[in-house]
Amino acid sequence: LDKIQMALTSLLTETQHYNLYATDISPVLMFDNLGPRYGMITNEMVREVEEFGGKLCYNSLRLAQMATLGYHINVLGGAFAISTQATRHVIGDPNKGALGVSRCDGCFFFVDEEEEDILEDISLDERTRPAKIAILWERTADPLQGHT
């Protein structure tokens, strides 16, 4: 499980950015709203990124952020999900977007190059956010740090 945790954390690096983007399989997450540190509330610190909601990209962003912030990633015994031909038909072809042309069809980020830059900016902000949170938590853990 430590290898999984490290692999998830590495997805936030610049070298692994494309792998994070290309992850179009959505993991089923079950998490505690109380974070690994006192006062850390999951839905405030590791929130869903609305801009990526329902898209076929960055589906493991939240999971990678949680691993980076110290959440323990594990397999929940006894939990399962069912995928049937009927449910897959409702969702559509995973290689095609909701509109059926390509995985990026219908995504406003790819209308023109300016909007593609917006995608990169949001991605960079979200990939660096766990580091900023970790620094904040370290500084608040020692109230005398930074005060001379």
N, C-alpha and C. Protein backbone atom coordinates (compact mmCIF):
# COMPACT_ATOMS: atom_id res chain seq x y z
N LEU A 1 0.81 -1.20 0.00
CA LEU A 1 0.00 0.00 0.00
C LEU A 1 0.85 1.26 0.00
N ASP A 2 2.05 1.19 0.58
CA ASP A 2 2.94 2.35 0.55
C ASP A 2 3.35 2.69 -0.89
N LYS A 3 3.54 1.67 -1.71
CA LYS A 3 3.89 1.91 -3.11
C LYS A 3 2.75 2.61 -3.84
N ILE A 4 1.52 2.21 -3.53
CA ILE A 4 0.35 2.84 -4.14
C ILE A 4 0.28 4.30 -3.71
N GLN A 5 0.50 4.54 -2.43
CA GLN A 5 0.46 5.90 -1.90
C GLN A 5 1.53 6.78 -2.57
N MET A 6 2.73 6.26 -2.72
CA MET A 6 3.81 7.02 -3.37
C MET A 6 3.50 7.25 -4.85
N ALA A 7 2.94 6.25 -5.52
CA ALA A 7 2.60 6.40 -6.93
C ALA A 7 1.53 7.46 -7.11
N LEU A 8 0.56 7.48 -6.23
CA LEU A 8 -0.49 8.50 -6.30
C LEU A 8 0.08 9.89 -6.07
N THR A 9 0.95 10.01 -5.09
CA THR A 9 1.58 11.30 -4.79
C THR A 9 2.40 11.79 -5.99
N SER A 10 3.09 10.88 -6.65
CA SER A 10 3.94 11.27 -7.79
C SER A 10 3.12 11.79 -8.96
N LEU A 11 1.83 11.47 -9.03
CA LEU A 11 0.99 11.97 -10.11
C LEU A 11 0.88 13.49 -10.12
N LEU A 12 1.14 14.13 -8.98
CA LEU A 12 1.03 15.59 -8.90
C LEU A 12 2.28 16.30 -9.40
N THR A 13 3.33 15.56 -9.72
CA THR A 13 4.57 16.17 -10.20
C THR A 13 4.44 16.58 -11.67
N GLU A 14 5.29 17.47 -12.07
CA GLU A 14 5.26 17.95 -13.46
C GLU A 14 5.53 16.81 -14.44
N THR A 15 6.43 15.90 -14.09
CA THR A 15 6.77 14.81 -15.02
C THR A 15 5.63 13.82 -15.20
N GLN A 16 4.78 13.70 -14.20
CA GLN A 16 3.65 12.75 -14.27
C GLN A 16 2.33 13.44 -14.63
N HIS A 17 2.38 14.72 -14.93
CA HIS A 17 1.16 15.49 -15.18
C HIS A 17 0.27 14.86 -16.23
N TYR A 18 0.84 14.41 -17.34
CA TYR A 18 0.02 13.83 -18.40
C TYR A 18 -0.68 12.56 -17.93
N ASN A 19 0.01 11.74 -17.13
CA ASN A 19 -0.63 10.53 -16.60
C ASN A 19 -1.82 10.87 -15.72
N LEU A 20 -1.71 11.95 -14.96
CA LEU A 20 -2.83 12.39 -14.14
C LEU A 20 -3.98 12.85 -15.03
N TYR A 21 -3.66 13.60 -16.07
CA TYR A 21 -4.67 14.08 -17.01
C TYR A 21 -5.37 12.91 -17.71
N ALA A 22 -4.59 11.93 -18.14
CA ALA A 22 -5.12 10.84 -18.97
C ALA A 22 -5.86 9.77 -18.16
N THR A 23 -5.86 9.86 -16.84
CA THR A 23 -6.58 8.88 -16.04
C THR A 23 -8.07 9.13 -16.18
N ASP A 24 -8.71 8.32 -17.00
CA ASP A 24 -10.13 8.54 -17.24
C ASP A 24 -11.02 7.52 -16.53
N ILE A 25 -10.42 6.71 -15.68
CA ILE A 25 -11.18 5.77 -14.86
C ILE A 25 -11.41 6.43 -13.51
N SER A 26 -12.64 6.46 -13.08
CA SER A 26 -12.96 7.11 -11.81
C SER A 26 -12.93 6.11 -10.68
N PRO A 27 -12.02 6.32 -9.72
CA PRO A 27 -12.02 5.42 -8.56
C PRO A 27 -13.22 5.72 -7.66
N VAL A 28 -13.74 4.68 -7.07
CA VAL A 28 -14.82 4.85 -6.10
C VAL A 28 -14.16 5.13 -4.76
N LEU A 29 -14.38 6.32 -4.22
CA LEU A 29 -13.73 6.72 -2.98
C LEU A 29 -14.71 6.74 -1.82
N MET A 30 -14.24 6.26 -0.72
CA MET A 30 -14.97 6.37 0.54
C MET A 30 -13.95 6.91 1.53
N PHE A 31 -14.21 8.07 2.09
CA PHE A 31 -13.21 8.68 2.96
C PHE A 31 -13.87 9.28 4.18
N ASP A 32 -13.06 9.42 5.19
CA ASP A 32 -13.49 10.03 6.45
C ASP A 32 -13.40 11.54 6.28
N ASN A 33 -14.41 12.27 6.71
CA ASN A 33 -14.38 13.72 6.59
C ASN A 33 -13.40 14.36 7.56
N LEU A 34 -12.93 13.60 8.56
CA LEU A 34 -11.90 14.10 9.46
C LEU A 34 -10.56 13.70 8.90
N GLY A 35 -9.73 14.68 8.63
CA GLY A 35 -8.44 14.44 8.00
C GLY A 35 -7.42 13.82 8.92
N PRO A 36 -6.22 13.56 8.39
CA PRO A 36 -5.16 12.92 9.18
C PRO A 36 -4.57 13.82 10.25
N ARG A 37 -4.88 15.11 10.23
CA ARG A 37 -4.40 16.04 11.24
C ARG A 37 -5.59 16.68 11.94
N TYR A 38 -5.39 17.03 13.18
CA TYR A 38 -6.44 17.67 13.96
C TYR A 38 -6.90 18.95 13.26
N GLY A 39 -8.19 19.07 13.07
CA GLY A 39 -8.75 20.27 12.45
C GLY A 39 -8.84 20.23 10.94
N MET A 40 -8.29 19.20 10.32
CA MET A 40 -8.34 19.09 8.86
C MET A 40 -9.66 18.43 8.47
N ILE A 41 -10.49 19.17 7.77
CA ILE A 41 -11.77 18.66 7.30
C ILE A 41 -11.63 18.36 5.80
N THR A 42 -11.88 17.12 5.45
CA THR A 42 -11.62 16.66 4.10
C THR A 42 -12.35 17.47 3.04
N ASN A 43 -13.65 17.70 3.21
CA ASN A 43 -14.38 18.38 2.15
C ASN A 43 -14.03 19.86 2.03
N GLU A 44 -13.21 20.38 2.95
CA GLU A 44 -12.71 21.75 2.83
C GLU A 44 -11.30 21.76 2.24
N MET A 45 -10.46 20.83 2.66
CA MET A 45 -9.07 20.81 2.22
C MET A 45 -8.86 20.07 0.90
N VAL A 46 -9.62 19.03 0.69
CA VAL A 46 -9.45 18.20 -0.51
C VAL A 46 -10.81 18.12 -1.20
N ARG A 47 -11.24 19.24 -1.69
CA ARG A 47 -12.57 19.31 -2.32
C ARG A 47 -12.50 18.86 -3.77
N GLU A 48 -13.66 18.50 -4.30
CA GLU A 48 -13.74 18.18 -5.72
C GLU A 48 -13.49 19.46 -6.51
N VAL A 49 -12.82 19.34 -7.62
CA VAL A 49 -12.58 20.48 -8.49
C VAL A 49 -13.75 20.56 -9.45
N GLU A 50 -14.60 21.55 -9.25
CA GLU A 50 -15.83 21.64 -10.04
C GLU A 50 -15.58 21.68 -11.54
N GLU A 51 -14.49 22.34 -11.94
CA GLU A 51 -14.21 22.46 -13.37
C GLU A 51 -13.95 21.11 -14.02
N PHE A 52 -13.49 20.13 -13.24
CA PHE A 52 -13.21 18.81 -13.80
C PHE A 52 -14.36 17.84 -13.56
N GLY A 53 -15.39 18.26 -12.88
CA GLY A 53 -16.52 17.38 -12.54
C GLY A 53 -17.21 16.84 -13.77
N GLY A 54 -17.36 15.54 -13.82
CA GLY A 54 -18.07 14.90 -14.92
C GLY A 54 -17.27 14.79 -16.20
N LYS A 55 -16.00 15.17 -16.17
CA LYS A 55 -15.17 15.09 -17.38
C LYS A 55 -14.43 13.76 -17.39
N LEU A 56 -13.77 13.50 -18.50
CA LEU A 56 -13.00 12.27 -18.63
C LEU A 56 -11.51 12.52 -18.40
N CYS A 57 -11.17 13.53 -17.62
CA CYS A 57 -9.77 13.81 -17.34
C CYS A 57 -9.61 14.15 -15.86
N TYR A 58 -8.42 13.96 -15.38
CA TYR A 58 -8.07 14.28 -13.98
C TYR A 58 -8.97 13.57 -12.96
N ASN A 59 -9.40 12.36 -13.26
CA ASN A 59 -10.29 11.66 -12.34
C ASN A 59 -9.61 11.20 -11.06
N SER A 60 -8.30 11.09 -11.06
CA SER A 60 -7.62 10.66 -9.84
C SER A 60 -6.94 11.84 -9.13
N LEU A 61 -7.29 13.07 -9.51
CA LEU A 61 -6.68 14.25 -8.89
C LEU A 61 -6.96 14.29 -7.39
N ARG A 62 -8.18 14.11 -6.99
CA ARG A 62 -8.53 14.19 -5.57
C ARG A 62 -7.85 13.08 -4.78
N LEU A 63 -7.81 11.89 -5.34
CA LEU A 63 -7.15 10.77 -4.67
C LEU A 63 -5.65 11.06 -4.49
N ALA A 64 -5.01 11.62 -5.52
CA ALA A 64 -3.59 11.97 -5.42
C ALA A 64 -3.36 13.06 -4.38
N GLN A 65 -4.26 14.03 -4.32
CA GLN A 65 -4.16 15.09 -3.31
C GLN A 65 -4.28 14.51 -1.91
N MET A 66 -5.21 13.59 -1.72
CA MET A 66 -5.40 12.99 -0.40
C MET A 66 -4.17 12.19 0.02
N ALA A 67 -3.59 11.45 -0.90
CA ALA A 67 -2.39 10.68 -0.58
C ALA A 67 -1.24 11.62 -0.20
N THR A 68 -1.13 12.74 -0.89
CA THR A 68 -0.08 13.72 -0.61
C THR A 68 -0.24 14.35 0.76
N LEU A 69 -1.47 14.56 1.17
CA LEU A 69 -1.74 15.20 2.46
C LEU A 69 -1.70 14.24 3.64
N GLY A 70 -1.40 12.98 3.39
CA GLY A 70 -1.22 12.05 4.50
C GLY A 70 -2.39 11.14 4.79
N TYR A 71 -3.41 11.17 3.96
CA TYR A 71 -4.52 10.22 4.14
C TYR A 71 -3.99 8.83 3.84
N HIS A 72 -4.43 7.85 4.58
CA HIS A 72 -4.00 6.47 4.35
C HIS A 72 -4.93 5.85 3.32
N ILE A 73 -4.35 5.47 2.20
CA ILE A 73 -5.10 4.86 1.11
C ILE A 73 -5.11 3.35 1.34
N ASN A 74 -6.28 2.76 1.28
CA ASN A 74 -6.41 1.34 1.52
C ASN A 74 -7.59 0.82 0.73
N VAL A 75 -7.69 -0.49 0.63
CA VAL A 75 -8.81 -1.14 -0.02
C VAL A 75 -9.83 -1.47 1.04
N LEU A 76 -11.07 -1.13 0.79
CA LEU A 76 -12.13 -1.40 1.74
C LEU A 76 -12.67 -2.80 1.48
N GLY A 77 -12.39 -3.69 2.40
CA GLY A 77 -12.85 -5.07 2.27
C GLY A 77 -14.36 -5.17 2.28
N GLY A 78 -14.91 -5.96 1.38
CA GLY A 78 -16.35 -6.17 1.33
C GLY A 78 -17.08 -5.17 0.46
N ALA A 79 -16.39 -4.13 0.01
CA ALA A 79 -17.03 -3.15 -0.86
C ALA A 79 -16.87 -3.59 -2.31
N PHE A 80 -17.87 -3.32 -3.09
CA PHE A 80 -17.79 -3.69 -4.50
C PHE A 80 -18.68 -2.75 -5.31
N ALA A 81 -18.41 -2.71 -6.58
CA ALA A 81 -19.24 -1.96 -7.52
C ALA A 81 -19.58 -2.91 -8.66
N ILE A 82 -20.73 -2.71 -9.21
CA ILE A 82 -21.16 -3.58 -10.29
C ILE A 82 -21.24 -2.78 -11.58
N SER A 83 -20.68 -3.33 -12.62
CA SER A 83 -20.77 -2.74 -13.94
C SER A 83 -21.45 -3.76 -14.84
N THR A 84 -22.60 -3.42 -15.32
CA THR A 84 -23.33 -4.32 -16.21
C THR A 84 -23.39 -3.70 -17.60
N GLN A 85 -23.79 -4.49 -18.57
CA GLN A 85 -23.90 -3.98 -19.92
C GLN A 85 -24.90 -2.83 -19.98
N ALA A 86 -25.96 -2.91 -19.20
CA ALA A 86 -26.97 -1.84 -19.20
C ALA A 86 -26.41 -0.54 -18.61
N THR A 87 -25.65 -0.63 -17.51
CA THR A 87 -25.10 0.59 -16.93
C THR A 87 -24.02 1.19 -17.82
N ARG A 88 -23.23 0.35 -18.46
CA ARG A 88 -22.21 0.86 -19.38
C ARG A 88 -22.85 1.53 -20.59
N HIS A 89 -23.97 1.01 -21.05
CA HIS A 89 -24.67 1.60 -22.19
C HIS A 89 -25.20 3.00 -21.84
N VAL A 90 -25.69 3.17 -20.62
CA VAL A 90 -26.21 4.47 -20.18
C VAL A 90 -25.07 5.50 -20.13
N ILE A 91 -23.92 5.07 -19.62
CA ILE A 91 -22.78 5.96 -19.50
C ILE A 91 -22.20 6.28 -20.87
N GLY A 92 -22.16 5.32 -21.73
CA GLY A 92 -21.61 5.54 -23.07
C GLY A 92 -20.24 4.92 -23.22
N ASP A 93 -19.69 5.07 -24.38
CA ASP A 93 -18.37 4.53 -24.71
C ASP A 93 -17.31 5.30 -23.94
N PRO A 94 -16.47 4.62 -23.12
CA PRO A 94 -15.46 5.33 -22.34
C PRO A 94 -14.40 6.04 -23.18
N ASN A 95 -14.26 5.64 -24.45
CA ASN A 95 -13.30 6.30 -25.32
C ASN A 95 -13.88 7.53 -26.00
N LYS A 96 -15.16 7.75 -25.78
CA LYS A 96 -15.83 8.89 -26.37
C LYS A 96 -16.48 9.69 -25.26
N GLY A 97 -16.60 10.97 -25.47
CA GLY A 97 -17.23 11.83 -24.49
C GLY A 97 -18.73 11.64 -24.49
N ALA A 98 -19.40 12.42 -23.66
CA ALA A 98 -20.86 12.32 -23.54
C ALA A 98 -21.55 12.61 -24.87
N LEU A 99 -20.95 13.41 -25.72
CA LEU A 99 -21.56 13.74 -26.99
C LEU A 99 -21.19 12.74 -28.08
N GLY A 100 -20.26 11.82 -27.76
CA GLY A 100 -19.99 10.71 -28.64
C GLY A 100 -18.94 10.91 -29.71
N VAL A 101 -18.24 12.03 -29.75
CA VAL A 101 -17.26 12.24 -30.79
C VAL A 101 -15.86 11.90 -30.30
N SER A 102 -15.42 12.49 -29.19
CA SER A 102 -14.12 12.17 -28.63
C SER A 102 -14.19 12.38 -27.13
N ARG A 103 -13.15 11.98 -26.43
CA ARG A 103 -13.17 12.12 -24.97
C ARG A 103 -13.17 13.57 -24.54
N CYS A 104 -12.80 14.49 -25.40
CA CYS A 104 -12.77 15.92 -25.06
C CYS A 104 -13.91 16.69 -25.69
N ASP A 105 -14.77 16.03 -26.47
CA ASP A 105 -15.87 16.71 -27.11
C ASP A 105 -16.84 17.24 -26.06
N GLY A 106 -17.21 18.47 -26.21
CA GLY A 106 -18.15 19.06 -25.28
C GLY A 106 -17.48 19.74 -24.10
N CYS A 107 -16.19 19.55 -23.94
CA CYS A 107 -15.47 20.17 -22.83
C CYS A 107 -15.08 21.58 -23.27
N PHE A 108 -15.51 22.58 -22.51
CA PHE A 108 -15.24 23.95 -22.90
C PHE A 108 -13.76 24.31 -22.88
N PHE A 109 -12.93 23.47 -22.25
CA PHE A 109 -11.50 23.77 -22.21
C PHE A 109 -10.84 23.63 -23.58
N PHE A 110 -11.46 22.93 -24.49
CA PHE A 110 -10.82 22.65 -25.77
C PHE A 110 -11.50 23.34 -26.94
N VAL A 111 -12.21 24.41 -26.68
CA VAL A 111 -12.83 25.16 -27.77
C VAL A 111 -11.75 25.91 -28.56
N ASP A 112 -10.84 26.55 -27.87
CA ASP A 112 -9.70 27.18 -28.52
C ASP A 112 -8.50 27.14 -27.59
N GLU A 113 -7.36 27.59 -28.09
CA GLU A 113 -6.11 27.47 -27.31
C GLU A 113 -6.12 28.28 -26.03
N GLU A 114 -6.80 29.43 -26.02
CA GLU A 114 -6.87 30.24 -24.80
C GLU A 114 -7.51 29.45 -23.66
N GLU A 115 -8.56 28.73 -23.98
CA GLU A 115 -9.26 27.98 -22.95
C GLU A 115 -8.47 26.75 -22.53
N GLU A 116 -7.65 26.22 -23.42
CA GLU A 116 -6.78 25.10 -23.05
C GLU A 116 -5.76 25.56 -22.01
N ASP A 117 -5.34 26.83 -22.10
CA ASP A 117 -4.45 27.39 -21.08
C ASP A 117 -5.14 27.46 -19.72
N ILE A 118 -6.44 27.69 -19.72
CA ILE A 118 -7.19 27.71 -18.47
C ILE A 118 -7.11 26.34 -17.80
N LEU A 119 -7.25 25.28 -18.58
CA LEU A 119 -7.13 23.92 -18.08
C LEU A 119 -5.78 23.72 -17.42
N GLU A 120 -4.71 24.17 -18.08
CA GLU A 120 -3.36 24.02 -17.53
C GLU A 120 -3.21 24.80 -16.24
N ASP A 121 -3.76 26.01 -16.18
CA ASP A 121 -3.66 26.84 -14.98
C ASP A 121 -4.39 26.20 -13.80
N ILE A 122 -5.59 25.71 -14.03
CA ILE A 122 -6.35 25.06 -12.97
C ILE A 122 -5.63 23.80 -12.50
N SER A 123 -5.12 23.04 -13.45
CA SER A 123 -4.39 21.82 -13.12
C SER A 123 -3.17 22.13 -12.26
N LEU A 124 -2.39 23.14 -12.65
CA LEU A 124 -1.21 23.50 -11.87
C LEU A 124 -1.59 23.95 -10.47
N ASP A 125 -2.64 24.77 -10.37
CA ASP A 125 -3.10 25.22 -9.05
C ASP A 125 -3.49 24.04 -8.17
N GLU A 126 -4.21 23.10 -8.74
CA GLU A 126 -4.70 21.97 -7.96
C GLU A 126 -3.58 20.98 -7.63
N ARG A 127 -2.59 20.87 -8.50
CA ARG A 127 -1.47 19.98 -8.22
C ARG A 127 -0.55 20.53 -7.14
N THR A 128 -0.47 21.86 -7.03
CA THR A 128 0.40 22.46 -6.02
C THR A 128 -0.33 22.75 -4.71
N ARG A 129 -1.65 22.70 -4.72
CA ARG A 129 -2.43 23.02 -3.52
C ARG A 129 -2.08 22.13 -2.32
N PRO A 130 -1.89 20.81 -2.47
CA PRO A 130 -1.52 20.01 -1.30
C PRO A 130 -0.22 20.44 -0.65
N ALA A 131 0.75 20.88 -1.45
CA ALA A 131 2.02 21.36 -0.88
C ALA A 131 1.78 22.62 -0.07
N LYS A 132 0.96 23.52 -0.57
CA LYS A 132 0.65 24.75 0.15
C LYS A 132 -0.08 24.44 1.46
N ILE A 133 -0.99 23.49 1.41
CA ILE A 133 -1.72 23.09 2.62
C ILE A 133 -0.75 22.50 3.64
N ALA A 134 0.16 21.65 3.17
CA ALA A 134 1.12 21.01 4.08
C ALA A 134 2.00 22.06 4.76
N ILE A 135 2.44 23.06 4.00
CA ILE A 135 3.24 24.14 4.59
C ILE A 135 2.42 24.90 5.62
N LEU A 136 1.19 25.20 5.29
CA LEU A 136 0.30 25.90 6.22
C LEU A 136 0.14 25.11 7.51
N TRP A 137 -0.09 23.80 7.39
CA TRP A 137 -0.28 22.97 8.58
C TRP A 137 0.99 22.90 9.42
N GLU A 138 2.15 22.84 8.75
CA GLU A 138 3.41 22.80 9.50
C GLU A 138 3.62 24.09 10.28
N ARG A 139 3.28 25.21 9.68
CA ARG A 139 3.47 26.50 10.37
C ARG A 139 2.48 26.69 11.50
N THR A 140 1.25 26.19 11.35
CA THR A 140 0.28 26.35 12.41
C THR A 140 0.51 25.33 13.53
N ALA A 141 1.23 24.26 13.23
CA ALA A 141 1.53 23.26 14.27
C ALA A 141 2.49 23.84 15.28
N ASP A 142 3.38 24.74 14.86
CA ASP A 142 4.33 25.39 15.75
C ASP A 142 4.03 26.89 15.74
N PRO A 143 3.23 27.37 16.69
CA PRO A 143 2.79 28.77 16.66
C PRO A 143 3.94 29.77 16.81
N LEU A 144 5.11 29.35 17.29
CA LEU A 144 6.24 30.28 17.46
C LEU A 144 7.07 30.40 16.20
N GLN A 145 6.89 29.49 15.24
CA GLN A 145 7.69 29.51 14.02
C GLN A 145 7.37 30.77 13.23
N GLY A 146 8.36 31.44 12.76
CA GLY A 146 8.16 32.64 11.97
C GLY A 146 8.03 33.90 12.80
N HIS A 147 7.97 33.80 14.12
CA HIS A 147 7.88 34.96 15.00
C HIS A 147 9.17 35.08 15.77
N THR A 148 9.95 36.12 15.51
CA THR A 148 11.22 36.28 16.21
C THR A 148 11.15 37.42 17.20
